[in-house]
Amino acid sequence: MLTIFIASLALGLFAGLLAGLFGIGGGLVIVPVLAFFFKGQGFPPDITLLMAVATSLATIALTAVSSVLAHHRLGAVVWAKVSRLSPMIMVGAAAGAVVAKQIPADSLRLVLVAFLLYVGTQMAFQLKPKPGAVKQPLWLDMGAATVIGLMSAIVGIGGGTLTVPYLVYGQLPMRNAVAISSACGLPIALAGTASYALLGWDAANLPEWSLGYVSLPAFAGVGLTSMMTAPIGAKLANKLPATQLKRYFSVLLWVMAAKLLWH
């Protein structure tokens, strides 16, 4: 377990930096890398990816708090919208954990591969959500929130790649959409983590120092260092050629998707 903790410290440094630099959740990197770590440590194959997803969500709960506070201080969070989305996001996240546990490990792997390819393609070709003119009544918010929570819990992310396009299409400025998405990442992480912990409470063959499907050493390692480097990444975003870096990062996502698909 010490090996996982030390490796996770390094992963957290990298994931936090990327999250701050590109404005995306670290889950896109954390899940596949943790899956490789856990496989190397001999975790049971049928729960390796499940534990990577659950642990990623747990780390997002930590980083989301600092992100929300930063956006709140800037006055960018529309709390009325957060309040509308959060209840069904939590329901969706809880349901997503149940779905992820029920589907075969290979199917979960393919879902994650598809999502990595989707986000990598978005970043490579600089595809940005276009402002729309669609009003978002309560029923639409509830439906979208359920889907966002469901998919986020299945692949272990904070939901920004899904939430932001939905909000922008509803005529919210990008600044507010990103802030609302950050705030919604917290209920996704809390509901998803709690669900994975409960679902795996009595699971057989769990590694030592596991809280259900959450690996506590990995959670501690990634959480500690990602909170340190995320602000550094945010500062570097204003100084480095972001467009070019995003294309490099998209290649990294494609490579991770290929490795997951191959293994």
Protein backbone atom coordinates (compact mmCIF):
# COMPACT_ATOMS: atom_id res chain seq x y z
CA MET A 1 0.00 0.00 0.00
CA LEU A 2 2.97 2.33 0.58
CA THR A 3 3.90 1.88 -3.08
CA ILE A 4 0.43 3.00 -4.16
CA PHE A 5 0.55 6.00 -1.82
CA ILE A 6 3.94 7.18 -3.16
CA ALA A 7 2.91 6.64 -6.79
CA SER A 8 -0.34 8.49 -6.11
CA LEU A 9 1.56 11.48 -4.74
CA ALA A 10 3.30 11.78 -8.11
CA LEU A 11 0.03 11.26 -9.98
CA GLY A 12 -1.65 13.98 -7.94
CA LEU A 13 1.09 16.47 -8.82
CA PHE A 14 0.54 15.80 -12.51
CA ALA A 15 -3.28 15.60 -12.39
CA GLY A 16 -3.62 18.81 -10.37
CA LEU A 17 -1.32 20.67 -12.74
CA LEU A 18 -3.29 19.53 -15.78
CA ALA A 19 -6.62 20.32 -14.11
CA GLY A 20 -5.51 23.88 -13.38
CA LEU A 21 -3.85 24.33 -16.75
CA PHE A 22 -6.71 23.13 -18.94
CA GLY A 23 -9.70 23.78 -16.69
CA ILE A 24 -10.79 20.13 -16.72
CA GLY A 25 -11.20 17.69 -13.89
CA GLY A 26 -8.22 15.52 -13.05
CA GLY A 27 -10.38 12.39 -13.31
CA LEU A 28 -9.60 12.07 -17.01
CA VAL A 29 -5.99 11.30 -16.05
CA ILE A 30 -6.49 9.83 -12.58
CA VAL A 31 -8.80 6.95 -13.60
CA PRO A 32 -6.67 5.29 -16.31
CA VAL A 33 -3.40 5.81 -14.44
CA LEU A 34 -4.81 4.42 -11.18
CA ALA A 35 -6.16 1.46 -13.14
CA PHE A 36 -2.61 0.73 -14.34
CA PHE A 37 -1.24 1.18 -10.79
CA PHE A 38 -3.85 -1.12 -9.28
CA LYS A 39 -3.30 -3.77 -11.95
CA GLY A 40 0.44 -3.70 -11.27
CA GLN A 41 -0.25 -4.19 -7.56
CA GLY A 42 -2.29 -7.31 -8.24
CA PHE A 43 -5.78 -5.97 -7.54
CA PRO A 44 -8.52 -8.41 -8.65
CA PRO A 45 -9.20 -7.74 -12.37
CA ASP A 46 -12.97 -7.50 -11.91
CA ILE A 47 -12.70 -4.53 -9.52
CA THR A 48 -9.51 -2.78 -10.70
CA LEU A 49 -11.21 -0.20 -12.91
CA LEU A 50 -14.16 0.13 -10.53
CA MET A 51 -11.78 1.07 -7.72
CA ALA A 52 -9.96 3.54 -9.97
CA VAL A 53 -13.26 5.28 -10.77
CA ALA A 54 -14.41 5.33 -7.13
CA THR A 55 -11.07 6.65 -5.88
CA SER A 56 -11.00 9.34 -8.55
CA LEU A 57 -14.40 10.62 -7.44
CA ALA A 58 -13.18 10.75 -3.84
CA THR A 59 -10.22 12.96 -4.83
CA ILE A 60 -12.52 15.24 -6.83
CA ALA A 61 -14.48 15.93 -3.65
CA LEU A 62 -11.33 17.52 -2.20
CA THR A 63 -10.33 19.61 -5.20
CA ALA A 64 -13.90 20.72 -5.90
CA VAL A 65 -14.11 22.58 -2.60
CA SER A 66 -11.16 24.86 -3.35
CA SER A 67 -12.37 25.36 -6.92
CA VAL A 68 -15.88 26.36 -5.81
CA LEU A 69 -14.52 28.82 -3.24
CA ALA A 70 -12.33 30.46 -5.86
CA HIS A 71 -15.23 30.87 -8.30
CA HIS A 72 -17.51 32.10 -5.52
CA ARG A 73 -15.04 34.82 -4.52
CA LEU A 74 -15.07 35.98 -8.14
CA GLY A 75 -18.87 36.13 -8.05
CA ALA A 76 -19.23 33.70 -10.97
CA VAL A 77 -21.35 30.97 -9.36
CA VAL A 78 -25.07 31.22 -10.09
CA TRP A 79 -26.24 29.41 -6.97
CA ALA A 80 -29.87 29.27 -8.08
CA LYS A 81 -28.83 27.12 -11.05
CA VAL A 82 -26.60 24.97 -8.84
CA SER A 83 -29.57 24.38 -6.52
CA ARG A 84 -31.73 23.29 -9.46
CA LEU A 85 -29.16 20.87 -10.81
CA SER A 86 -27.65 19.40 -7.64
CA PRO A 87 -30.49 17.13 -6.37
CA MET A 88 -30.84 15.12 -9.59
CA ILE A 89 -27.08 15.19 -10.17
CA MET A 90 -26.72 13.35 -6.86
CA VAL A 91 -29.45 10.89 -7.83
CA GLY A 92 -27.74 10.32 -11.17
CA ALA A 93 -24.33 9.87 -9.55
CA ALA A 94 -25.70 7.30 -7.10
CA ALA A 95 -27.37 5.46 -9.98
CA GLY A 96 -24.14 5.64 -12.00
CA ALA A 97 -22.23 3.82 -9.27
CA VAL A 98 -24.87 1.07 -9.26
CA VAL A 99 -24.69 0.76 -13.06
CA ALA A 100 -20.89 0.67 -13.05
CA LYS A 101 -20.90 -2.15 -10.48
CA GLN A 102 -23.40 -4.20 -12.45
CA ILE A 103 -21.82 -4.03 -15.90
CA PRO A 104 -18.87 -6.31 -16.76
CA ALA A 105 -15.37 -4.91 -16.27
CA ASP A 106 -14.67 -5.04 -20.02
CA SER A 107 -17.81 -3.01 -20.77
CA LEU A 108 -16.81 -0.38 -18.18
CA ARG A 109 -13.38 -0.22 -19.81
CA LEU A 110 -14.93 0.42 -23.23
CA VAL A 111 -17.13 3.20 -21.82
CA LEU A 112 -14.04 4.90 -20.39
CA VAL A 113 -12.13 4.45 -23.67
CA ALA A 114 -14.98 6.07 -25.61
CA PHE A 115 -15.10 8.99 -23.19
CA LEU A 116 -11.33 9.58 -23.36
CA LEU A 117 -11.50 9.57 -27.16
CA TYR A 118 -14.44 12.00 -27.09
CA VAL A 119 -12.68 14.52 -24.83
CA GLY A 120 -9.35 14.07 -26.64
CA THR A 121 -11.01 14.85 -29.97
CA GLN A 122 -12.70 17.92 -28.49
CA MET A 123 -9.37 19.27 -27.29
CA ALA A 124 -7.41 18.36 -30.42
CA PHE A 125 -9.77 20.22 -32.74
CA GLN A 126 -10.60 22.99 -30.25
CA LEU A 127 -14.30 22.17 -30.36
CA LYS A 128 -16.11 24.55 -28.04
CA PRO A 129 -19.79 24.62 -27.12
CA LYS A 130 -21.72 27.17 -29.15
CA PRO A 131 -24.13 29.47 -27.35
CA GLY A 132 -27.69 28.42 -27.96
CA ALA A 133 -31.09 29.95 -27.50
CA VAL A 134 -32.77 27.12 -25.65
CA LYS A 135 -34.58 27.93 -22.44
CA GLN A 136 -33.93 25.39 -19.73
CA PRO A 137 -37.09 24.76 -17.70
CA LEU A 138 -36.98 22.75 -14.50
CA TRP A 139 -37.86 19.44 -16.18
CA LEU A 140 -34.99 19.84 -18.67
CA ASP A 141 -32.53 20.75 -15.92
CA MET A 142 -33.60 17.69 -13.94
CA GLY A 143 -33.21 15.36 -16.91
CA ALA A 144 -29.83 16.79 -17.91
CA ALA A 145 -28.59 16.72 -14.31
CA THR A 146 -29.51 13.04 -13.99
CA VAL A 147 -27.58 12.12 -17.15
CA ILE A 148 -24.58 14.25 -16.12
CA GLY A 149 -24.44 12.65 -12.67
CA LEU A 150 -24.92 9.16 -14.12
CA MET A 151 -22.13 9.43 -16.72
CA SER A 152 -19.76 11.25 -14.37
CA ALA A 153 -20.01 8.53 -11.72
CA ILE A 154 -19.50 5.78 -14.30
CA VAL A 155 -16.25 7.26 -15.66
CA GLY A 156 -15.01 8.96 -12.45
CA ILE A 157 -15.06 12.64 -13.39
CA GLY A 158 -16.47 15.86 -12.00
CA GLY A 159 -18.77 16.34 -14.97
CA GLY A 160 -17.36 19.55 -16.44
CA THR A 161 -17.06 18.18 -19.98
CA LEU A 162 -20.81 17.49 -19.88
CA THR A 163 -22.13 20.29 -17.68
CA VAL A 164 -20.41 23.23 -19.39
CA PRO A 165 -21.78 22.54 -22.93
CA TYR A 166 -25.29 22.11 -21.51
CA LEU A 167 -25.13 25.42 -19.64
CA VAL A 168 -23.58 27.35 -22.52
CA TYR A 169 -26.28 26.03 -24.84
CA GLY A 170 -28.78 27.52 -22.41
CA GLN A 171 -27.28 31.00 -23.00
CA LEU A 172 -25.16 31.18 -19.85
CA PRO A 173 -21.81 32.94 -20.34
CA MET A 174 -18.78 30.61 -20.34
CA ARG A 175 -17.47 32.20 -17.13
CA ASN A 176 -20.65 31.32 -15.26
CA ALA A 177 -20.97 27.90 -16.90
CA VAL A 178 -17.50 26.88 -15.71
CA ALA A 179 -18.21 28.17 -12.20
CA ILE A 180 -21.57 26.35 -11.97
CA SER A 181 -19.95 23.19 -13.32
CA SER A 182 -17.27 23.39 -10.61
CA ALA A 183 -19.95 23.74 -7.94
CA CYS A 184 -21.87 20.77 -9.37
CA GLY A 185 -18.71 18.66 -9.27
CA LEU A 186 -18.93 18.50 -5.48
CA PRO A 187 -22.35 16.76 -5.25
CA ILE A 188 -21.27 14.39 -8.04
CA ALA A 189 -18.13 13.47 -6.10
CA LEU A 190 -19.86 13.14 -2.72
CA ALA A 191 -22.80 11.08 -3.96
CA GLY A 192 -20.63 8.91 -6.20
CA THR A 193 -18.00 8.27 -3.54
CA ALA A 194 -20.57 7.41 -0.87
CA SER A 195 -22.34 5.04 -3.26
CA TYR A 196 -19.13 3.23 -4.27
CA ALA A 197 -18.11 2.94 -0.62
CA LEU A 198 -21.47 1.42 0.35
CA LEU A 199 -21.70 -0.86 -2.69
CA GLY A 200 -18.28 -2.31 -1.97
CA TRP A 201 -18.64 -2.48 1.81
CA ASP A 202 -18.94 -6.28 1.94
CA ALA A 203 -17.22 -7.04 -1.37
CA ALA A 204 -14.89 -10.01 -1.42
CA ASN A 205 -11.16 -9.75 -2.24
CA LEU A 206 -10.87 -6.04 -1.52
CA PRO A 207 -7.26 -4.87 -1.04
CA GLU A 208 -6.11 -3.64 2.35
CA TRP A 209 -6.98 -0.07 3.32
CA SER A 210 -10.08 0.09 1.15
CA LEU A 211 -13.29 1.87 2.06
CA GLY A 212 -15.65 -0.10 -0.12
CA TYR A 213 -14.28 0.43 -3.62
CA VAL A 214 -12.26 3.51 -2.60
CA SER A 215 -8.52 2.95 -2.16
CA LEU A 216 -7.57 5.09 0.82
CA PRO A 217 -3.80 5.23 0.10
CA ALA A 218 -4.44 6.38 -3.48
CA PHE A 219 -7.10 8.86 -2.32
CA ALA A 220 -4.72 10.37 0.23
CA GLY A 221 -1.79 10.57 -2.19
CA VAL A 222 -3.65 12.10 -5.12
CA GLY A 223 -5.72 14.39 -2.91
CA LEU A 224 -2.73 15.84 -1.06
CA THR A 225 -0.66 16.80 -4.08
CA SER A 226 -3.39 17.68 -6.61
CA MET A 227 -4.66 20.41 -4.28
CA MET A 228 -1.15 21.86 -4.24
CA THR A 229 -0.54 21.92 -8.00
CA ALA A 230 -3.97 22.91 -9.33
CA PRO A 231 -3.43 26.62 -8.47
CA ILE A 232 0.01 26.48 -10.13
CA GLY A 233 -1.56 25.08 -13.29
CA ALA A 234 -4.15 27.85 -13.28
CA LYS A 235 -1.39 30.49 -13.14
CA LEU A 236 0.58 28.80 -15.92
CA ALA A 237 -2.53 28.78 -18.12
CA ASN A 238 -2.14 32.53 -18.58
CA LYS A 239 1.53 32.27 -19.57
CA LEU A 240 1.81 29.17 -21.76
CA PRO A 241 0.45 28.54 -25.30
CA ALA A 242 -2.76 26.85 -24.15
CA THR A 243 -4.01 25.91 -27.63
CA GLN A 244 -0.85 24.01 -28.49
CA LEU A 245 -0.69 22.37 -25.07
CA LYS A 246 -4.28 21.17 -25.38
CA ARG A 247 -3.36 19.38 -28.59
CA TYR A 248 -0.48 17.66 -26.82
CA PHE A 249 -2.79 16.70 -23.99
CA SER A 250 -5.32 15.28 -26.46
CA VAL A 251 -2.61 12.94 -27.74
CA LEU A 252 -2.01 11.80 -24.14
CA LEU A 253 -5.72 11.03 -23.76
CA TRP A 254 -5.71 9.06 -27.01
CA VAL A 255 -2.65 7.08 -25.87
CA MET A 256 -4.31 6.26 -22.53
CA ALA A 257 -7.47 5.20 -24.36
CA ALA A 258 -5.39 2.94 -26.63
CA LYS A 259 -3.62 1.36 -23.64
CA LEU A 260 -6.92 0.71 -21.90
CA LEU A 261 -8.35 -0.78 -25.08
CA TRP A 262 -5.30 -2.98 -25.64
CA HIS A 263 -5.22 -4.24 -22.05
